[in-house]
N, C-alpha and C. Protein backbone atom coordinates (compact mmCIF):
# COMPACT_ATOMS: atom_id res chain seq x y z
N MET A 1 97.32 110.35 98.64
CA MET A 1 95.57 109.77 98.50
C MET A 1 95.16 109.13 98.50
N GLN A 2 96.00 108.21 97.87
CA GLN A 2 95.20 106.63 97.94
C GLN A 2 95.84 106.39 99.11
N VAL A 3 96.62 106.25 99.52
CA VAL A 3 96.66 106.40 101.02
C VAL A 3 95.65 105.99 102.20
N TYR A 4 95.03 107.53 101.88
CA TYR A 4 94.01 108.23 102.66
C TYR A 4 92.44 107.67 102.51
N LYS A 5 92.43 106.90 101.21
CA LYS A 5 90.99 106.53 100.43
C LYS A 5 91.43 105.40 100.99
N GLY A 6 92.67 104.35 100.90
CA GLY A 6 92.51 102.59 101.45
C GLY A 6 92.33 102.76 102.90
N TYR A 7 93.31 103.42 103.66
CA TYR A 7 93.67 103.23 105.09
C TYR A 7 92.72 103.74 105.81
N TYR A 8 91.82 105.36 105.63
CA TYR A 8 91.44 105.57 106.44
C TYR A 8 89.50 105.98 105.69
N ASN A 9 89.68 105.35 104.67
CA ASN A 9 88.18 105.86 103.57
C ASN A 9 87.89 107.04 103.76
N ILE A 10 88.83 108.04 103.39
CA ILE A 10 89.02 109.46 102.95
C ILE A 10 89.33 109.60 101.70
N ALA A 11 88.65 110.44 101.08
CA ALA A 11 88.57 111.01 99.60
C ALA A 11 88.95 112.03 99.38
N LEU A 12 90.24 112.57 98.98
CA LEU A 12 90.84 113.53 99.03
C LEU A 12 91.30 114.49 97.57
N ASP A 13 91.52 115.35 97.74
CA ASP A 13 92.28 115.95 95.88
C ASP A 13 93.22 115.59 95.52
N HIS A 14 93.30 115.62 94.11
CA HIS A 14 94.26 115.00 93.67
C HIS A 14 95.76 115.79 93.70
N SER A 15 95.41 117.05 94.09
CA SER A 15 96.55 118.09 93.79
C SER A 15 96.95 118.59 95.59
N SER A 16 97.99 118.81 95.87
CA SER A 16 98.75 118.86 97.04
C SER A 16 97.92 120.14 97.77
N SER A 17 97.69 120.82 96.42
CA SER A 17 97.49 122.36 97.26
C SER A 17 95.41 122.21 97.42
N GLY A 18 95.09 121.65 96.83
CA GLY A 18 93.68 121.14 97.00
C GLY A 18 93.54 120.55 98.61
N MET A 19 94.95 119.28 99.12
CA MET A 19 94.79 118.96 99.99
C MET A 19 94.67 119.74 101.19
N PHE A 20 95.77 120.68 101.01
CA PHE A 20 96.31 121.69 101.39
C PHE A 20 94.99 122.72 102.13
N LYS A 21 93.83 123.39 101.60
CA LYS A 21 92.91 123.90 101.45
C LYS A 21 91.62 123.38 101.75
N ASP A 22 91.58 121.87 101.97
CA ASP A 22 90.43 121.14 102.54
C ASP A 22 90.13 121.17 103.59
N SER A 23 89.15 122.54 103.93
CA SER A 23 88.05 122.05 104.87
C SER A 23 88.40 121.35 106.35
N ARG A 24 88.05 120.11 105.51
CA ARG A 24 87.72 118.48 106.81
C ARG A 24 88.71 118.99 107.39
N GLY A 25 90.29 119.33 106.73
CA GLY A 25 91.36 118.89 107.80
C GLY A 25 91.35 120.62 108.44
N SER A 26 92.29 119.38 109.59
CA SER A 26 92.01 120.81 110.78
C SER A 26 93.84 121.25 111.02
N LYS A 27 93.91 122.32 111.05
CA LYS A 27 95.48 122.74 111.26
C LYS A 27 96.24 122.17 112.51
N VAL A 28 97.41 121.33 112.46
CA VAL A 28 98.22 121.11 113.43
C VAL A 28 100.08 121.76 113.02
N SER A 29 100.00 122.40 114.38
CA SER A 29 101.44 123.03 114.82
C SER A 29 102.25 121.48 114.50
N ARG A 30 103.75 122.55 114.29
CA ARG A 30 104.41 121.29 113.88
C ARG A 30 104.78 120.66 114.56
N GLY A 31 104.62 121.26 115.99
CA GLY A 31 105.47 120.55 117.53
C GLY A 31 104.35 119.67 117.66
N SER A 32 102.62 119.38 116.98
CA SER A 32 102.13 118.95 117.57
C SER A 32 101.52 117.77 116.40
N LEU A 33 102.20 117.33 115.45
CA LEU A 33 102.25 116.53 114.59
C LEU A 33 102.11 114.86 115.30
N LYS A 34 101.25 113.95 114.79
CA LYS A 34 101.21 112.68 115.14
C LYS A 34 101.27 111.81 113.49
N GLU A 35 101.23 110.50 113.68
CA GLU A 35 101.43 109.87 112.76
C GLU A 35 100.46 109.65 111.79
N GLY A 36 100.59 109.65 110.79
CA GLY A 36 99.27 109.93 109.64
C GLY A 36 99.13 111.39 108.68
N ASP A 37 99.33 112.00 110.14
CA ASP A 37 98.91 114.01 109.34
C ASP A 37 99.75 114.22 108.45
N LEU A 38 99.23 114.68 107.39
CA LEU A 38 99.45 115.21 106.57
C LEU A 38 100.31 116.71 106.68
N VAL A 39 101.64 116.26 105.64
CA VAL A 39 102.38 117.40 105.95
C VAL A 39 102.96 118.21 105.04
N PHE A 40 102.69 119.29 104.49
CA PHE A 40 102.34 120.09 103.18
C PHE A 40 104.03 121.11 102.76
N PHE A 41 104.41 120.95 101.77
CA PHE A 41 105.83 121.95 101.81
C PHE A 41 105.77 122.69 100.45
N GLY A 42 106.65 123.68 100.05
CA GLY A 42 106.47 124.44 98.89
C GLY A 42 106.92 125.99 99.05
N SER A 43 106.65 126.68 98.80
CA SER A 43 106.78 128.29 98.60
C SER A 43 105.92 129.03 98.93
N PHE A 44 106.51 130.59 99.39
CA PHE A 44 105.53 131.54 99.56
C PHE A 44 104.44 131.44 99.02
N TRP A 45 104.25 131.00 97.93
CA TRP A 45 103.23 131.20 96.97
C TRP A 45 102.66 130.71 96.70
N LYS A 46 102.46 129.24 97.10
CA LYS A 46 101.93 127.90 96.61
C LYS A 46 102.25 126.23 97.09
N VAL A 47 101.77 125.40 97.27
CA VAL A 47 102.10 124.05 98.37
C VAL A 47 102.28 123.41 97.09
N ASP A 48 103.29 122.82 96.49
CA ASP A 48 103.14 121.58 95.92
C ASP A 48 103.78 120.08 96.12
N HIS A 49 104.41 119.82 97.31
CA HIS A 49 104.65 118.80 97.85
C HIS A 49 103.48 118.46 98.57
N VAL A 50 103.28 117.20 98.99
CA VAL A 50 102.53 116.18 100.08
C VAL A 50 103.32 115.55 100.61
N GLY A 51 103.31 114.91 102.20
CA GLY A 51 103.63 113.09 102.36
C GLY A 51 102.83 112.90 103.52
N ILE A 52 102.91 112.19 104.08
CA ILE A 52 102.80 111.34 105.30
C ILE A 52 103.54 111.49 106.50
N TYR A 53 102.69 111.97 107.96
CA TYR A 53 104.08 112.70 109.01
C TYR A 53 104.42 110.98 109.18
N LEU A 54 105.52 110.42 109.90
CA LEU A 54 106.07 109.20 110.47
C LEU A 54 106.36 109.86 112.06
N ASN A 55 106.81 108.79 112.76
CA ASN A 55 107.08 108.56 114.07
C ASN A 55 108.67 109.78 113.66
N GLY A 56 109.33 110.33 114.92
CA GLY A 56 110.15 110.56 114.77
C GLY A 56 111.07 111.47 113.83
N ASP A 57 110.33 112.66 113.86
CA ASP A 57 110.31 113.67 113.06
C ASP A 57 110.69 113.75 111.58
N ARG A 58 110.16 112.36 111.08
CA ARG A 58 109.89 111.92 109.37
C ARG A 58 109.15 111.93 108.41
N PHE A 59 109.17 112.29 107.34
CA PHE A 59 107.57 111.93 106.32
C PHE A 59 108.03 110.87 105.22
N ILE A 60 106.99 110.69 105.10
CA ILE A 60 107.03 109.60 103.77
C ILE A 60 106.19 110.33 102.62
N HIS A 61 107.46 110.35 101.41
CA HIS A 61 106.55 110.51 100.27
C HIS A 61 107.23 110.52 99.10
N ALA A 62 106.20 110.61 98.31
CA ALA A 62 106.66 110.07 96.46
C ALA A 62 107.47 111.20 95.91
N SER A 63 108.62 110.81 95.40
CA SER A 63 110.17 111.83 94.86
C SER A 63 109.62 111.61 93.11
N THR A 64 109.30 112.16 92.52
CA THR A 64 109.33 111.96 90.84
C THR A 64 110.85 111.23 90.35
N SER A 65 111.78 111.68 91.55
CA SER A 65 113.24 111.19 90.83
C SER A 65 113.86 109.77 91.07
N LYS A 66 112.89 109.46 92.77
CA LYS A 66 113.49 108.62 93.27
C LYS A 66 112.63 107.58 93.48
N GLY A 67 111.22 107.72 93.84
CA GLY A 67 109.74 107.11 94.23
C GLY A 67 109.75 107.57 95.16
N VAL A 68 109.27 106.35 96.08
CA VAL A 68 108.87 106.11 97.69
C VAL A 68 109.84 106.75 98.27
N MET A 69 109.76 107.24 99.30
CA MET A 69 111.07 107.88 99.94
C MET A 69 110.88 108.36 101.21
N ILE A 70 111.73 108.35 102.39
CA ILE A 70 111.49 108.76 103.76
C ILE A 70 112.62 109.72 103.98
N SER A 71 111.99 110.68 104.77
CA SER A 71 112.57 112.12 104.76
C SER A 71 112.56 112.57 105.95
N PRO A 72 113.94 113.32 106.52
CA PRO A 72 113.83 113.41 108.02
C PRO A 72 112.86 114.78 107.66
N MET A 73 111.81 115.54 108.41
CA MET A 73 111.50 117.16 108.84
C MET A 73 112.69 118.12 108.54
N ASN A 74 113.52 117.83 109.79
CA ASN A 74 114.62 118.99 108.84
C ASN A 74 115.96 118.61 108.05
N ASP A 75 115.97 117.87 107.61
CA ASP A 75 116.21 117.50 106.07
C ASP A 75 116.91 119.19 105.71
N LYS A 76 118.12 119.54 104.74
CA LYS A 76 118.24 120.81 104.89
C LYS A 76 117.48 121.49 103.67
N TYR A 77 116.98 120.19 102.49
CA TYR A 77 116.15 120.66 101.35
C TYR A 77 114.19 120.59 101.88
N TRP A 78 113.88 120.44 102.83
CA TRP A 78 112.59 119.80 103.00
C TRP A 78 112.10 120.99 103.82
N SER A 79 112.98 121.22 104.77
CA SER A 79 112.64 122.27 106.23
C SER A 79 111.93 123.08 105.37
N HIS A 80 112.99 123.90 105.00
CA HIS A 80 112.60 125.58 104.86
C HIS A 80 111.06 125.75 103.86
N LYS A 81 111.02 124.68 103.09
CA LYS A 81 109.85 124.59 102.19
C LYS A 81 108.55 124.30 103.19
N TYR A 82 108.46 123.80 104.43
CA TYR A 82 107.66 123.17 105.14
C TYR A 82 106.61 124.33 105.52
N GLN A 83 105.04 124.06 104.81
CA GLN A 83 104.23 125.31 105.00
C GLN A 83 103.04 124.85 105.95
N GLY A 84 103.04 123.87 106.35
CA GLY A 84 102.27 123.05 107.21
C GLY A 84 101.67 121.88 107.59
N GLY A 85 100.61 121.44 108.90
CA GLY A 85 100.05 120.04 108.82
C GLY A 85 99.13 120.08 108.72
N ARG A 86 98.05 118.67 107.88
CA ARG A 86 96.63 119.00 108.57
C ARG A 86 96.08 117.71 108.97
N ARG A 87 95.20 117.55 109.48
CA ARG A 87 94.96 116.12 110.39
C ARG A 87 93.38 116.16 109.70
N PHE A 88 92.93 114.74 109.01
CA PHE A 88 91.59 114.38 108.32
C PHE A 88 91.09 113.59 108.85
N LYS A 89 91.52 112.97 110.20
CA LYS A 89 91.37 111.13 111.15
C LYS A 89 90.32 112.24 112.32
């Protein structure tokens, strides 16, 4: 939220689910993700985590236990939680 406000001057919802539902963002297929796109994670019922896509099939995100970190998109923990990508710029 803060990165998009400061870098792109785009105010986003505070919640990851609100960002995911924001109609200003266009859906992006996983194979078409570009650096800066938002990537969303969760379960079948809800989106509960968001990150910013980086080159090399990685994303940066804030972990409650480890702080800001970079993770691979195909990480065993994250890969099955992937819900979609959105482009706001």
